[in-house]
Amino acid sequence: MRLNRKNKFLLLGFLVALYFCYSFAISNTITYFKEYHSKNEMLNNNNSSPRLAHQLHQKEKQLDSLLAHYNITASESFQNDLLKQLSIYCDSSHLKIIDFKEPHITTEKGFTATSYIFSLEGSFNGCVALLNKMENNPALGSIKHLNFRKKRNYKTNVDQLFVEVIMQKNKGGN
């Protein structure tokens, strides 16, 4: 096979493209992969430390005794706090709480995520103001999903806006 000018440029262009791919993408991927493995190994070494495990176990006992002393159950108290804050915000924004469903609890890798689903009715500006207040209060959790629906009431010939909100509260390992 004879290399003419076009084939030489094609081969040179391929080698230049290969160099750029390596320098911009592949080398960074290899670097991040090595960094991931080193940090994962360091994390595994720290988790197996007996002193750290003993300290965490003592801290857990102390916190459990405090919770038992004050008769606090985390899920019920948080749900009540969320409902209280929600009703305060709804009164100030002239909204109505239509539905407040049972929390949905998922556990994965020792972490518990509790999702609270509720529906509101009112004006768009009121809903956005309420959602902003809730989002800026980190103690309530984070908003994971919003679903706005506009329905027409044909009896009164008025449009109504409904918003369904899913808030999620994450807890550390049990």
N, C-alpha and C. Protein backbone atom coordinates (compact mmCIF):
# COMPACT_ATOMS: atom_id res chain seq x y z
N MET A 1 0.85 -1.17 0.00
CA MET A 1 0.00 0.00 0.00
C MET A 1 0.89 1.23 0.00
N ARG A 2 0.55 2.13 -0.85
CA ARG A 2 1.35 3.32 -1.01
C ARG A 2 0.71 4.45 -0.24
N LEU A 3 1.51 5.21 0.55
CA LEU A 3 0.98 6.33 1.32
C LEU A 3 1.11 7.59 0.49
N ASN A 4 -0.01 8.05 -0.01
CA ASN A 4 0.03 9.32 -0.71
C ASN A 4 -0.23 10.45 0.27
N ARG A 5 -0.30 11.64 -0.20
CA ARG A 5 -0.42 12.83 0.65
C ARG A 5 -1.69 12.82 1.50
N LYS A 6 -2.83 12.43 0.93
CA LYS A 6 -4.10 12.41 1.66
C LYS A 6 -4.05 11.40 2.81
N ASN A 7 -3.49 10.23 2.54
CA ASN A 7 -3.41 9.21 3.58
C ASN A 7 -2.48 9.64 4.70
N LYS A 8 -1.38 10.34 4.36
CA LYS A 8 -0.47 10.83 5.39
C LYS A 8 -1.16 11.86 6.28
N PHE A 9 -1.92 12.77 5.67
CA PHE A 9 -2.67 13.76 6.46
C PHE A 9 -3.74 13.09 7.33
N LEU A 10 -4.38 12.08 6.77
CA LEU A 10 -5.38 11.34 7.52
C LEU A 10 -4.74 10.65 8.72
N LEU A 11 -3.61 10.01 8.53
CA LEU A 11 -2.91 9.34 9.62
C LEU A 11 -2.42 10.34 10.66
N LEU A 12 -1.88 11.46 10.20
CA LEU A 12 -1.44 12.52 11.12
C LEU A 12 -2.62 13.11 11.90
N GLY A 13 -3.73 13.35 11.22
CA GLY A 13 -4.93 13.87 11.89
C GLY A 13 -5.46 12.90 12.92
N PHE A 14 -5.44 11.60 12.61
CA PHE A 14 -5.89 10.59 13.56
C PHE A 14 -5.00 10.57 14.79
N LEU A 15 -3.69 10.67 14.59
CA LEU A 15 -2.77 10.67 15.73
C LEU A 15 -2.95 11.92 16.59
N VAL A 16 -3.18 13.06 15.97
CA VAL A 16 -3.41 14.31 16.71
C VAL A 16 -4.73 14.21 17.50
N ALA A 17 -5.76 13.68 16.86
CA ALA A 17 -7.04 13.51 17.55
C ALA A 17 -6.91 12.53 18.71
N LEU A 18 -6.15 11.46 18.52
CA LEU A 18 -5.90 10.50 19.58
C LEU A 18 -5.16 11.15 20.75
N TYR A 19 -4.18 11.98 20.45
CA TYR A 19 -3.44 12.69 21.50
C TYR A 19 -4.37 13.62 22.29
N PHE A 20 -5.21 14.39 21.57
CA PHE A 20 -6.13 15.29 22.26
C PHE A 20 -7.14 14.51 23.12
N CYS A 21 -7.65 13.41 22.62
CA CYS A 21 -8.58 12.59 23.41
C CYS A 21 -7.91 12.11 24.68
N TYR A 22 -6.67 11.66 24.56
CA TYR A 22 -5.99 11.18 25.74
C TYR A 22 -5.72 12.31 26.73
N SER A 23 -5.23 13.43 26.22
CA SER A 23 -4.83 14.51 27.13
C SER A 23 -6.03 15.16 27.82
N PHE A 24 -7.17 15.24 27.16
CA PHE A 24 -8.32 15.92 27.75
C PHE A 24 -9.29 14.99 28.47
N ALA A 25 -9.46 13.77 28.03
CA ALA A 25 -10.49 12.91 28.61
C ALA A 25 -9.91 11.70 29.33
N ILE A 26 -9.13 10.94 28.64
CA ILE A 26 -8.71 9.65 29.19
C ILE A 26 -7.77 9.84 30.38
N SER A 27 -6.83 10.77 30.30
CA SER A 27 -5.90 10.96 31.42
C SER A 27 -6.63 11.47 32.66
N ASN A 28 -7.61 12.37 32.48
CA ASN A 28 -8.41 12.84 33.62
C ASN A 28 -9.22 11.71 34.24
N THR A 29 -9.77 10.87 33.41
CA THR A 29 -10.55 9.74 33.91
C THR A 29 -9.67 8.80 34.72
N ILE A 30 -8.50 8.52 34.24
CA ILE A 30 -7.58 7.64 34.97
C ILE A 30 -7.18 8.28 36.29
N THR A 31 -6.91 9.58 36.29
CA THR A 31 -6.55 10.29 37.51
C THR A 31 -7.69 10.24 38.53
N TYR A 32 -8.91 10.51 38.10
CA TYR A 32 -10.05 10.49 39.01
C TYR A 32 -10.33 9.08 39.51
N PHE A 33 -10.13 8.08 38.67
CA PHE A 33 -10.34 6.70 39.07
C PHE A 33 -9.34 6.30 40.16
N LYS A 34 -8.08 6.68 40.00
CA LYS A 34 -7.08 6.38 41.03
C LYS A 34 -7.40 7.12 42.32
N GLU A 35 -7.83 8.38 42.22
CA GLU A 35 -8.20 9.16 43.40
C GLU A 35 -9.40 8.53 44.10
N TYR A 36 -10.37 8.07 43.34
CA TYR A 36 -11.55 7.40 43.91
C TYR A 36 -11.13 6.16 44.69
N HIS A 37 -10.29 5.34 44.09
CA HIS A 37 -9.86 4.12 44.78
C HIS A 37 -9.07 4.42 46.04
N SER A 38 -8.20 5.44 46.01
CA SER A 38 -7.41 5.76 47.20
C SER A 38 -8.32 6.28 48.32
N LYS A 39 -9.30 7.12 47.99
CA LYS A 39 -10.20 7.64 49.01
C LYS A 39 -11.14 6.55 49.53
N ASN A 40 -11.57 5.67 48.66
CA ASN A 40 -12.43 4.57 49.08
C ASN A 40 -11.66 3.64 50.02
N GLU A 41 -10.40 3.37 49.71
CA GLU A 41 -9.57 2.53 50.58
C GLU A 41 -9.33 3.21 51.92
N MET A 42 -9.11 4.53 51.91
CA MET A 42 -8.91 5.27 53.15
C MET A 42 -10.18 5.26 53.99
N LEU A 43 -11.32 5.40 53.34
CA LEU A 43 -12.60 5.36 54.05
C LEU A 43 -12.84 3.98 54.67
N ASN A 44 -12.54 2.94 53.94
CA ASN A 44 -12.70 1.58 54.48
C ASN A 44 -11.76 1.34 55.64
N ASN A 45 -10.54 1.86 55.58
CA ASN A 45 -9.59 1.70 56.69
C ASN A 45 -10.07 2.46 57.92
N ASN A 46 -10.64 3.66 57.73
CA ASN A 46 -11.13 4.44 58.86
C ASN A 46 -12.36 3.82 59.50
N ASN A 47 -13.22 3.21 58.69
CA ASN A 47 -14.43 2.60 59.23
C ASN A 47 -14.12 1.36 60.05
N SER A 48 -13.02 0.70 59.76
CA SER A 48 -12.69 -0.51 60.50
C SER A 48 -11.87 -0.22 61.74
N SER A 49 -11.62 1.04 62.02
CA SER A 49 -10.86 1.40 63.20
C SER A 49 -11.67 1.08 64.46
N PRO A 50 -11.13 0.28 65.37
CA PRO A 50 -11.91 -0.09 66.56
C PRO A 50 -12.17 1.08 67.50
N ARG A 51 -11.22 2.01 67.58
CA ARG A 51 -11.42 3.16 68.46
C ARG A 51 -12.56 4.03 67.96
N LEU A 52 -12.61 4.26 66.66
CA LEU A 52 -13.68 5.07 66.09
C LEU A 52 -15.04 4.37 66.27
N ALA A 53 -15.05 3.07 66.08
CA ALA A 53 -16.30 2.33 66.26
C ALA A 53 -16.77 2.40 67.71
N HIS A 54 -15.85 2.30 68.65
CA HIS A 54 -16.21 2.39 70.07
C HIS A 54 -16.76 3.78 70.40
N GLN A 55 -16.11 4.83 69.88
CA GLN A 55 -16.60 6.20 70.13
C GLN A 55 -17.99 6.40 69.55
N LEU A 56 -18.21 5.92 68.35
CA LEU A 56 -19.53 6.06 67.74
C LEU A 56 -20.59 5.28 68.50
N HIS A 57 -20.23 4.12 69.00
CA HIS A 57 -21.17 3.32 69.78
C HIS A 57 -21.53 4.03 71.09
N GLN A 58 -20.55 4.63 71.76
CA GLN A 58 -20.81 5.39 72.99
C GLN A 58 -21.70 6.60 72.70
N LYS A 59 -21.43 7.29 71.61
CA LYS A 59 -22.23 8.47 71.23
C LYS A 59 -23.67 8.05 70.94
N GLU A 60 -23.84 6.92 70.27
CA GLU A 60 -25.18 6.43 69.96
C GLU A 60 -25.94 6.10 71.24
N LYS A 61 -25.28 5.46 72.20
CA LYS A 61 -25.93 5.16 73.48
C LYS A 61 -26.35 6.43 74.20
N GLN A 62 -25.48 7.43 74.18
CA GLN A 62 -25.78 8.70 74.86
C GLN A 62 -26.99 9.37 74.22
N LEU A 63 -27.02 9.42 72.89
CA LEU A 63 -28.15 10.06 72.20
C LEU A 63 -29.44 9.27 72.40
N ASP A 64 -29.36 7.95 72.40
CA ASP A 64 -30.55 7.14 72.65
C ASP A 64 -31.11 7.37 74.05
N SER A 65 -30.22 7.51 75.02
CA SER A 65 -30.69 7.76 76.38
C SER A 65 -31.36 9.14 76.49
N LEU A 66 -30.80 10.13 75.80
CA LEU A 66 -31.42 11.46 75.80
C LEU A 66 -32.80 11.43 75.13
N LEU A 67 -32.90 10.73 74.02
CA LEU A 67 -34.20 10.63 73.33
C LEU A 67 -35.21 9.89 74.19
N ALA A 68 -34.77 8.85 74.87
CA ALA A 68 -35.69 8.10 75.74
C ALA A 68 -36.11 8.95 76.94
N HIS A 69 -35.19 9.75 77.45
CA HIS A 69 -35.49 10.60 78.60
C HIS A 69 -36.57 11.62 78.27
N TYR A 70 -36.50 12.20 77.08
CA TYR A 70 -37.46 13.23 76.69
C TYR A 70 -38.64 12.67 75.90
N ASN A 71 -38.72 11.36 75.76
CA ASN A 71 -39.83 10.69 75.04
C ASN A 71 -40.01 11.25 73.64
N ILE A 72 -38.92 11.34 72.91
CA ILE A 72 -38.95 11.88 71.55
C ILE A 72 -38.80 10.73 70.57
N THR A 73 -39.73 10.68 69.62
CA THR A 73 -39.57 9.76 68.50
C THR A 73 -39.36 10.63 67.28
N ALA A 74 -38.30 10.37 66.56
CA ALA A 74 -37.86 11.29 65.51
C ALA A 74 -38.87 11.45 64.39
N SER A 75 -39.46 10.37 63.90
CA SER A 75 -40.33 10.48 62.73
C SER A 75 -41.62 11.22 63.06
N GLU A 76 -42.24 10.90 64.20
CA GLU A 76 -43.50 11.57 64.55
C GLU A 76 -43.27 13.04 64.83
N SER A 77 -42.22 13.37 65.56
CA SER A 77 -41.99 14.76 65.91
C SER A 77 -41.66 15.57 64.67
N PHE A 78 -40.87 15.01 63.74
CA PHE A 78 -40.55 15.75 62.52
C PHE A 78 -41.79 15.96 61.67
N GLN A 79 -42.63 14.92 61.57
CA GLN A 79 -43.85 15.05 60.77
C GLN A 79 -44.76 16.12 61.37
N ASN A 80 -44.86 16.16 62.69
CA ASN A 80 -45.67 17.20 63.33
C ASN A 80 -45.08 18.58 63.11
N ASP A 81 -43.75 18.69 63.21
CA ASP A 81 -43.10 19.98 62.96
C ASP A 81 -43.31 20.43 61.53
N LEU A 82 -43.19 19.50 60.60
CA LEU A 82 -43.40 19.84 59.19
C LEU A 82 -44.83 20.32 58.96
N LEU A 83 -45.80 19.63 59.54
CA LEU A 83 -47.20 20.02 59.37
C LEU A 83 -47.48 21.37 60.02
N LYS A 84 -46.86 21.62 61.18
CA LYS A 84 -47.04 22.91 61.86
C LYS A 84 -46.46 24.05 61.02
N GLN A 85 -45.22 23.86 60.53
CA GLN A 85 -44.60 24.90 59.68
C GLN A 85 -45.41 25.10 58.41
N LEU A 86 -45.88 24.02 57.84
CA LEU A 86 -46.67 24.10 56.62
C LEU A 86 -47.97 24.87 56.84
N SER A 87 -48.63 24.62 57.95
CA SER A 87 -49.89 25.35 58.22
C SER A 87 -49.62 26.83 58.50
N ILE A 88 -48.50 27.15 59.17
CA ILE A 88 -48.15 28.56 59.40
C ILE A 88 -47.88 29.25 58.07
N TYR A 89 -47.10 28.61 57.21
CA TYR A 89 -46.81 29.19 55.90
C TYR A 89 -48.07 29.32 55.05
N CYS A 90 -48.96 28.32 55.13
CA CYS A 90 -50.20 28.37 54.34
C CYS A 90 -51.10 29.51 54.80
N ASP A 91 -51.18 29.76 56.11
CA ASP A 91 -51.99 30.87 56.61
C ASP A 91 -51.46 32.20 56.11
N SER A 92 -50.13 32.35 56.08
CA SER A 92 -49.57 33.63 55.64
C SER A 92 -49.66 33.81 54.13
N SER A 93 -49.71 32.70 53.37
CA SER A 93 -49.75 32.79 51.91
C SER A 93 -51.15 32.57 51.35
N HIS A 94 -52.16 32.42 52.21
CA HIS A 94 -53.55 32.21 51.80
C HIS A 94 -53.69 30.96 50.91
N LEU A 95 -53.15 29.85 51.40
CA LEU A 95 -53.23 28.58 50.70
C LEU A 95 -54.00 27.58 51.56
N LYS A 96 -54.42 26.47 50.93
CA LYS A 96 -55.11 25.41 51.66
C LYS A 96 -54.32 24.12 51.51
N ILE A 97 -54.20 23.38 52.61
CA ILE A 97 -53.59 22.05 52.57
C ILE A 97 -54.69 21.08 52.18
N ILE A 98 -54.55 20.47 51.03
CA ILE A 98 -55.58 19.56 50.52
C ILE A 98 -55.33 18.14 51.02
N ASP A 99 -54.06 17.71 51.00
CA ASP A 99 -53.75 16.33 51.32
C ASP A 99 -52.38 16.25 51.97
N PHE A 100 -52.25 15.41 52.98
CA PHE A 100 -50.95 15.15 53.62
C PHE A 100 -50.87 13.65 53.82
N LYS A 101 -50.14 12.97 52.94
CA LYS A 101 -50.10 11.50 52.94
C LYS A 101 -49.10 10.97 53.95
N GLU A 102 -49.21 9.69 54.21
CA GLU A 102 -48.27 9.01 55.11
C GLU A 102 -46.87 9.08 54.52
N PRO A 103 -45.85 9.20 55.36
CA PRO A 103 -44.48 9.27 54.83
C PRO A 103 -44.05 7.94 54.22
N HIS A 104 -43.21 8.05 53.21
CA HIS A 104 -42.67 6.89 52.53
C HIS A 104 -41.20 6.77 52.94
N ILE A 105 -40.84 5.64 53.54
CA ILE A 105 -39.50 5.46 54.10
C ILE A 105 -38.74 4.45 53.26
N THR A 106 -37.52 4.84 52.82
CA THR A 106 -36.64 3.93 52.10
C THR A 106 -35.30 3.88 52.80
N THR A 107 -34.70 2.70 52.83
CA THR A 107 -33.40 2.51 53.45
C THR A 107 -32.46 1.92 52.43
N GLU A 108 -31.30 2.56 52.28
CA GLU A 108 -30.30 2.08 51.34
C GLU A 108 -28.92 2.33 51.91
N LYS A 109 -28.12 1.29 52.00
CA LYS A 109 -26.74 1.36 52.50
C LYS A 109 -26.66 2.01 53.87
N GLY A 110 -27.62 1.74 54.73
CA GLY A 110 -27.60 2.26 56.09
C GLY A 110 -28.15 3.65 56.24
N PHE A 111 -28.57 4.29 55.16
CA PHE A 111 -29.15 5.63 55.24
C PHE A 111 -30.65 5.53 55.02
N THR A 112 -31.39 6.30 55.80
CA THR A 112 -32.84 6.28 55.72
C THR A 112 -33.32 7.60 55.11
N ALA A 113 -34.11 7.49 54.06
CA ALA A 113 -34.70 8.66 53.42
C ALA A 113 -36.21 8.58 53.61
N THR A 114 -36.78 9.62 54.20
CA THR A 114 -38.22 9.68 54.44
C THR A 114 -38.81 10.75 53.55
N SER A 115 -39.78 10.37 52.73
CA SER A 115 -40.42 11.30 51.81
C SER A 115 -41.81 11.64 52.32
N TYR A 116 -42.10 12.93 52.41
CA TYR A 116 -43.40 13.42 52.84
C TYR A 116 -44.09 14.03 51.63
N ILE A 117 -45.31 13.59 51.36
CA ILE A 117 -46.06 14.02 50.18
C ILE A 117 -47.28 14.78 50.65
N PHE A 118 -47.43 16.02 50.14
CA PHE A 118 -48.60 16.81 50.49
C PHE A 118 -49.03 17.64 49.29
N SER A 119 -50.30 18.05 49.29
CA SER A 119 -50.87 18.84 48.20
C SER A 119 -51.43 20.13 48.75
N LEU A 120 -51.28 21.19 47.95
CA LEU A 120 -51.75 22.52 48.32
C LEU A 120 -52.64 23.07 47.22
N GLU A 121 -53.50 24.00 47.60
CA GLU A 121 -54.35 24.68 46.62
C GLU A 121 -54.26 26.17 46.89
N GLY A 122 -54.13 26.96 45.83
CA GLY A 122 -54.09 28.40 45.97
C GLY A 122 -53.48 29.06 44.75
N SER A 123 -53.05 30.30 44.93
CA SER A 123 -52.49 31.06 43.82
C SER A 123 -51.06 30.61 43.54
N PHE A 124 -50.61 30.89 42.32
CA PHE A 124 -49.25 30.50 41.93
C PHE A 124 -48.21 31.24 42.77
N ASN A 125 -48.40 32.54 42.94
CA ASN A 125 -47.44 33.33 43.72
C ASN A 125 -47.40 32.87 45.17
N GLY A 126 -48.54 32.53 45.74
CA GLY A 126 -48.57 32.02 47.10
C GLY A 126 -47.84 30.69 47.23
N CYS A 127 -48.07 29.80 46.24
CA CYS A 127 -47.39 28.49 46.26
C CYS A 127 -45.88 28.65 46.14
N VAL A 128 -45.45 29.52 45.24
CA VAL A 128 -44.01 29.72 45.05
C VAL A 128 -43.40 30.35 46.30
N ALA A 129 -44.10 31.29 46.93
CA ALA A 129 -43.59 31.91 48.16
C ALA A 129 -43.46 30.86 49.27
N LEU A 130 -44.47 30.00 49.42
CA LEU A 130 -44.42 28.95 50.43
C LEU A 130 -43.28 27.98 50.15
N LEU A 131 -43.12 27.57 48.90
CA LEU A 131 -42.05 26.64 48.55
C LEU A 131 -40.68 27.26 48.79
N ASN A 132 -40.56 28.56 48.54
CA ASN A 132 -39.30 29.25 48.79
C ASN A 132 -38.97 29.27 50.28
N LYS A 133 -39.98 29.55 51.10
CA LYS A 133 -39.76 29.54 52.56
C LYS A 133 -39.35 28.16 53.04
N MET A 134 -40.00 27.13 52.52
CA MET A 134 -39.67 25.78 52.94
C MET A 134 -38.29 25.35 52.45
N GLU A 135 -37.93 25.76 51.26
CA GLU A 135 -36.63 25.40 50.71
C GLU A 135 -35.50 26.09 51.45
N ASN A 136 -35.75 27.30 51.93
CA ASN A 136 -34.72 28.04 52.66
C ASN A 136 -34.62 27.64 54.12
N ASN A 137 -35.46 26.73 54.57
CA ASN A 137 -35.38 26.21 55.93
C ASN A 137 -34.80 24.80 55.85
N PRO A 138 -33.48 24.65 56.05
CA PRO A 138 -32.85 23.34 55.85
C PRO A 138 -33.29 22.30 56.87
N ALA A 139 -33.86 22.70 57.98
CA ALA A 139 -34.29 21.73 58.99
C ALA A 139 -35.49 20.91 58.50
N LEU A 140 -36.23 21.43 57.53
CA LEU A 140 -37.40 20.72 57.02
C LEU A 140 -37.06 19.68 55.99
N GLY A 141 -35.86 19.69 55.45
CA GLY A 141 -35.47 18.75 54.40
C GLY A 141 -35.37 19.46 53.08
N SER A 142 -35.36 18.69 52.01
CA SER A 142 -35.23 19.27 50.68
C SER A 142 -36.41 18.87 49.81
N ILE A 143 -36.78 19.77 48.92
CA ILE A 143 -37.89 19.51 48.00
C ILE A 143 -37.34 18.68 46.84
N LYS A 144 -37.93 17.52 46.62
CA LYS A 144 -37.45 16.62 45.57
C LYS A 144 -38.31 16.69 44.31
N HIS A 145 -39.59 17.01 44.45
CA HIS A 145 -40.45 17.00 43.28
C HIS A 145 -41.62 17.96 43.48
N LEU A 146 -42.00 18.63 42.40
CA LEU A 146 -43.18 19.51 42.38
C LEU A 146 -44.03 19.12 41.19
N ASN A 147 -45.34 19.14 41.38
CA ASN A 147 -46.25 18.86 40.28
C ASN A 147 -47.40 19.87 40.35
N PHE A 148 -47.37 20.84 39.46
CA PHE A 148 -48.43 21.85 39.39
C PHE A 148 -49.51 21.36 38.45
N ARG A 149 -50.78 21.49 38.87
CA ARG A 149 -51.92 21.14 38.03
C ARG A 149 -52.93 22.27 38.09
N LYS A 150 -53.45 22.63 36.95
CA LYS A 150 -54.50 23.64 36.88
C LYS A 150 -55.78 22.92 36.47
N LYS A 151 -56.80 23.06 37.32
CA LYS A 151 -58.09 22.42 37.03
C LYS A 151 -59.16 23.49 36.96
N ARG A 152 -60.11 23.26 36.11
CA ARG A 152 -61.22 24.19 35.94
C ARG A 152 -62.43 23.64 36.67
N ASN A 153 -63.00 24.46 37.55
CA ASN A 153 -64.24 24.11 38.23
C ASN A 153 -65.38 24.64 37.37
N TYR A 154 -66.10 23.74 36.69
CA TYR A 154 -67.12 24.16 35.74
C TYR A 154 -68.38 24.69 36.41
N LYS A 155 -68.59 24.36 37.67
CA LYS A 155 -69.76 24.88 38.38
C LYS A 155 -69.59 26.37 38.66
N THR A 156 -68.39 26.76 39.11
CA THR A 156 -68.15 28.17 39.43
C THR A 156 -67.42 28.89 38.32
N ASN A 157 -66.98 28.15 37.28
CA ASN A 157 -66.26 28.71 36.15
C ASN A 157 -64.97 29.42 36.59
N VAL A 158 -64.25 28.78 37.50
CA VAL A 158 -63.01 29.33 38.05
C VAL A 158 -61.89 28.31 37.90
N ASP A 159 -60.70 28.78 37.55
CA ASP A 159 -59.53 27.91 37.49
C ASP A 159 -58.92 27.79 38.88
N GLN A 160 -58.51 26.57 39.23
CA GLN A 160 -57.87 26.33 40.52
C GLN A 160 -56.50 25.72 40.26
N LEU A 161 -55.51 26.13 41.07
CA LEU A 161 -54.16 25.61 40.93
C LEU A 161 -53.85 24.70 42.11
N PHE A 162 -53.38 23.49 41.80
CA PHE A 162 -52.99 22.52 42.81
C PHE A 162 -51.51 22.22 42.62
N VAL A 163 -50.79 22.06 43.71
CA VAL A 163 -49.39 21.67 43.64
C VAL A 163 -49.18 20.49 44.59
N GLU A 164 -48.54 19.45 44.06
CA GLU A 164 -48.18 18.29 44.87
C GLU A 164 -46.67 18.37 45.12
N VAL A 165 -46.28 18.28 46.37
CA VAL A 165 -44.88 18.46 46.77
C VAL A 165 -44.38 17.18 47.44
N ILE A 166 -43.17 16.79 47.06
CA ILE A 166 -42.51 15.68 47.75
C ILE A 166 -41.27 16.24 48.41
N MET A 167 -41.27 16.22 49.76
CA MET A 167 -40.11 16.67 50.54
C MET A 167 -39.43 15.44 51.09
N GLN A 168 -38.10 15.50 51.10
CA GLN A 168 -37.34 14.35 51.57
C GLN A 168 -36.41 14.76 52.70
N LYS A 169 -36.40 13.95 53.73
CA LYS A 169 -35.52 14.15 54.89
C LYS A 169 -34.63 12.93 54.98
N ASN A 170 -33.31 13.15 54.99
CA ASN A 170 -32.35 12.06 55.06
C ASN A 170 -31.78 11.95 56.45
N LYS A 171 -31.57 10.72 56.87
CA LYS A 171 -30.96 10.43 58.18
C LYS A 171 -29.79 9.50 57.96
N GLY A 172 -28.80 9.62 58.83
CA GLY A 172 -27.61 8.78 58.75
C GLY A 172 -27.91 7.34 59.07
N GLY A 173 -26.86 6.54 59.02
CA GLY A 173 -27.00 5.10 59.23
C GLY A 173 -27.53 4.74 60.60
N ASN A 174 -28.25 3.64 60.65
CA ASN A 174 -28.84 3.17 61.91
C ASN A 174 -27.93 2.17 62.58
